[in-house]
Amino acid sequence: MEVEGERGAYVVGASADAAGSTAAVDWIVQVHKRRSLTERLLGRNRMAAEDPLFALIERLVRADHRIVQVSVEKGA
């Protein structure tokens, strides 16, 4: 989905991978900040580690008691 945040526009996506016949499901949530080609080429307007939208999504995921393991990967 597309999201407008206080620091710009984002694309947020999620996908799941059910592990066989168990009830466990692995989810991947991705948050990408939209940047123009010029911004990408010049390395400008990158998503900061403390980005408020990313922090909100992480906080919501961690608050759900049904989720047993959360790992976060921040990178390019």
C-alpha atoms as a PDB file:
ATOM      1  CA  MET A   1       0.000   0.000   0.000  1.00  0.00           C
ATOM      2  CA  GLU A   2       1.067   3.580  -0.446  1.00  0.00           C
ATOM      3  CA  VAL A   3       1.346   5.699   2.691  1.00  0.00           C
ATOM      4  CA  GLU A   4       1.873   9.428   3.121  1.00  0.00           C
ATOM      5  CA  GLY A   5       3.881  10.159   6.238  1.00  0.00           C
ATOM      6  CA  GLU A   6       5.210  13.295   7.862  1.00  0.00           C
ATOM      7  CA  ARG A   7       8.602  12.715   6.241  1.00  0.00           C
ATOM      8  CA  GLY A   8       7.458  11.647   2.781  1.00  0.00           C
ATOM      9  CA  ALA A   9       5.738   8.953   0.755  1.00  0.00           C
ATOM     10  CA  TYR A  10       6.251   5.257   1.410  1.00  0.00           C
ATOM     11  CA  VAL A  11       5.376   1.856   0.028  1.00  0.00           C
ATOM     12  CA  VAL A  12       4.500  -0.718   2.695  1.00  0.00           C
ATOM     13  CA  GLY A  13       4.090  -4.359   1.796  1.00  0.00           C
ATOM     14  CA  ALA A  14       3.692  -7.667   3.585  1.00  0.00           C
ATOM     15  CA  SER A  15       3.902 -11.296   2.587  1.00  0.00           C
ATOM     16  CA  ALA A  16       3.519 -14.577   4.445  1.00  0.00           C
ATOM     17  CA  ASP A  17       5.004 -18.045   4.139  1.00  0.00           C
ATOM     18  CA  ALA A  18       3.131 -20.815   5.927  1.00  0.00           C
ATOM     19  CA  ALA A  19       5.583 -23.460   7.121  1.00  0.00           C
ATOM     20  CA  GLY A  20       4.019 -26.766   6.072  1.00  0.00           C
ATOM     21  CA  SER A  21       1.061 -28.022   8.061  1.00  0.00           C
ATOM     22  CA  THR A  22       1.898 -26.168  11.288  1.00  0.00           C
ATOM     23  CA  ALA A  23       0.050 -23.109  12.510  1.00  0.00           C
ATOM     24  CA  ALA A  24       3.268 -21.057  12.344  1.00  0.00           C
ATOM     25  CA  VAL A  25       3.420 -18.454   9.612  1.00  0.00           C
ATOM     26  CA  ASP A  26       6.503 -16.391   8.746  1.00  0.00           C
ATOM     27  CA  TRP A  27       5.686 -12.825   7.762  1.00  0.00           C
ATOM     28  CA  ILE A  28       7.857 -10.241   6.057  1.00  0.00           C
ATOM     29  CA  VAL A  29       6.879  -6.576   6.289  1.00  0.00           C
ATOM     30  CA  GLN A  30       8.760  -4.153   4.053  1.00  0.00           C
ATOM     31  CA  VAL A  31       8.809  -0.373   4.295  1.00  0.00           C
ATOM     32  CA  HIS A  32      10.380   1.593   1.444  1.00  0.00           C
ATOM     33  CA  LYS A  33      10.593   5.351   1.236  1.00  0.00           C
ATOM     34  CA  ARG A  34       9.776   6.747  -2.199  1.00  0.00           C
ATOM     35  CA  ARG A  35      12.607   8.743  -3.699  1.00  0.00           C
ATOM     36  CA  SER A  36      13.096  10.305  -7.084  1.00  0.00           C
ATOM     37  CA  LEU A  37      15.777   9.035  -9.434  1.00  0.00           C
ATOM     38  CA  THR A  38      17.860  12.122  -8.671  1.00  0.00           C
ATOM     39  CA  GLU A  39      17.551  11.510  -4.914  1.00  0.00           C
ATOM     40  CA  ARG A  40      18.650   7.905  -5.385  1.00  0.00           C
ATOM     41  CA  LEU A  41      21.603   8.826  -7.571  1.00  0.00           C
ATOM     42  CA  LEU A  42      22.754  11.516  -5.159  1.00  0.00           C
ATOM     43  CA  GLY A  43      22.005   9.482  -2.024  1.00  0.00           C
ATOM     44  CA  ARG A  44      19.507  12.019  -0.699  1.00  0.00           C
ATOM     45  CA  ASN A  45      16.251  11.649   1.259  1.00  0.00           C
ATOM     46  CA  ARG A  46      17.035   8.154   2.547  1.00  0.00           C
ATOM     47  CA  MET A  47      14.868   6.611   5.198  1.00  0.00           C
ATOM     48  CA  ALA A  48      16.485   7.309   8.565  1.00  0.00           C
ATOM     49  CA  ALA A  49      16.908   4.563  11.163  1.00  0.00           C
ATOM     50  CA  GLU A  50      14.541   6.501  13.442  1.00  0.00           C
ATOM     51  CA  ASP A  51      11.901   7.109  10.740  1.00  0.00           C
ATOM     52  CA  PRO A  52       8.531   7.646  12.511  1.00  0.00           C
ATOM     53  CA  LEU A  53       6.478   5.455  10.152  1.00  0.00           C
ATOM     54  CA  PHE A  54       8.909   2.562  10.440  1.00  0.00           C
ATOM     55  CA  ALA A  55       9.006   2.995  14.230  1.00  0.00           C
ATOM     56  CA  LEU A  56       5.197   2.940  14.390  1.00  0.00           C
ATOM     57  CA  ILE A  57       4.938  -0.268  12.348  1.00  0.00           C
ATOM     58  CA  GLU A  58       7.646  -1.951  14.426  1.00  0.00           C
ATOM     59  CA  ARG A  59       5.957  -0.887  17.677  1.00  0.00           C
ATOM     60  CA  LEU A  60       2.584  -2.263  16.504  1.00  0.00           C
ATOM     61  CA  VAL A  61       4.096  -5.592  15.478  1.00  0.00           C
ATOM     62  CA  ARG A  62       6.016  -5.978  18.742  1.00  0.00           C
ATOM     63  CA  ALA A  63       2.886  -5.122  20.772  1.00  0.00           C
ATOM     64  CA  ASP A  64       0.922  -8.074  19.359  1.00  0.00           C
ATOM     65  CA  HIS A  65       1.211 -10.874  21.936  1.00  0.00           C
ATOM     66  CA  ARG A  66       0.560 -13.529  19.249  1.00  0.00           C
ATOM     67  CA  ILE A  67       3.854 -12.718  17.535  1.00  0.00           C
ATOM     68  CA  VAL A  68       6.622 -14.791  19.105  1.00  0.00           C
ATOM     69  CA  GLN A  69       9.722 -13.573  17.276  1.00  0.00           C
ATOM     70  CA  VAL A  70      10.546 -10.279  15.576  1.00  0.00           C
ATOM     71  CA  SER A  71      13.734  -9.492  13.735  1.00  0.00           C
ATOM     72  CA  VAL A  72      14.473  -6.172  12.076  1.00  0.00           C
ATOM     73  CA  GLU A  73      16.770  -5.613   9.130  1.00  0.00           C
ATOM     74  CA  LYS A  74      17.484  -2.033   8.148  1.00  0.00           C
ATOM     75  CA  GLY A  75      19.446  -1.465   5.004  1.00  0.00           C
ATOM     76  CA  ALA A  76      19.600  -0.042   1.529  1.00  0.00           C
END
